[in-house]
Amino acid sequence: MLATIATPALADSDDLLPAPVPDVPTMARSASGFVPPGWELERTARGDLNGDKRPDLALVIRSTDKNLVIANPNGLGADSFNSNPRAIIVALNLGARGYGLSDVSTKLIPRIDNAIIDDPFGESEMVIKKGVLLVSIRFWASAGSWSMSNTTFTFRDQNEAVQLIGYDQTHIHRASGEMTTTSVNYMTGRMSIGKGSIEHDRVKKAWKNIGKTPLLRLSEMENGWDFDPARGSDN
């Protein structure tokens, strides 16, 4: 099983207020119609997810609770950090009826609980292209960890669900320059792991079978930093 990134935590990070869960409408006429009170629309992607040639929606919304903007208690890192959670919403275009909710993730984009951790989604990408939804998150810490990474999750609307079909990560150790790439196709059950260095472009890849398992739905995804790309495989 592959190791996941260990994120450093402040001593009082367990004292954070519980994260609110959005009450997302099942139907709306526009992207803004899926944003419940106390949340704001942060990102919108449009594109055909189900092959009907109509542009569907993928949205990221974020809670606006001022109590979840936390002052840094020890001065290490930023003066404060925004621990408000985000949610990913996928809605399908129903023509004259507007958009119908397909799935919601409240955990995939990590919640910030630490003043030394950069925003995982602030500079990351969410796009719909070639019939799939790509959601990226990054990890970078100003102290406590040499790790940095960029991870992309690929979802497809199929089998009446938004399902995870691919995973791609580039991980770099900032001290040694060692680079590891991981790529998984969950449709075929194949994984590649590459080893290299930021000092050159050569990456040596090895492929292995991790086996096919039931595809995860978007709503079943946990914290993206903790995700095991092998999905519990013993290979």
Foldseek 3Di string as FASTA:
>chain_A
DDAFDDDDADPCLVVADDADDDPFDFFDQDPVNRADPQKAWDDWAWDAQPPPRHIWIKTKIWGDDPSQFAADPPPPADRTHRQIWIKIWTWGQPDPRHTGTQDMAGAALDGDSHRFWDRQQPPWDWYADPNKTKGKTWTDGPDDAQKIKIKIWIWGCPPSFTFTQKIWMWMARNPPQKIWIWIAGLVQQKIKIWIDGPVDDDTDIDMDGLDHDPTDGNHRDHYNSRDDPSNPGPD
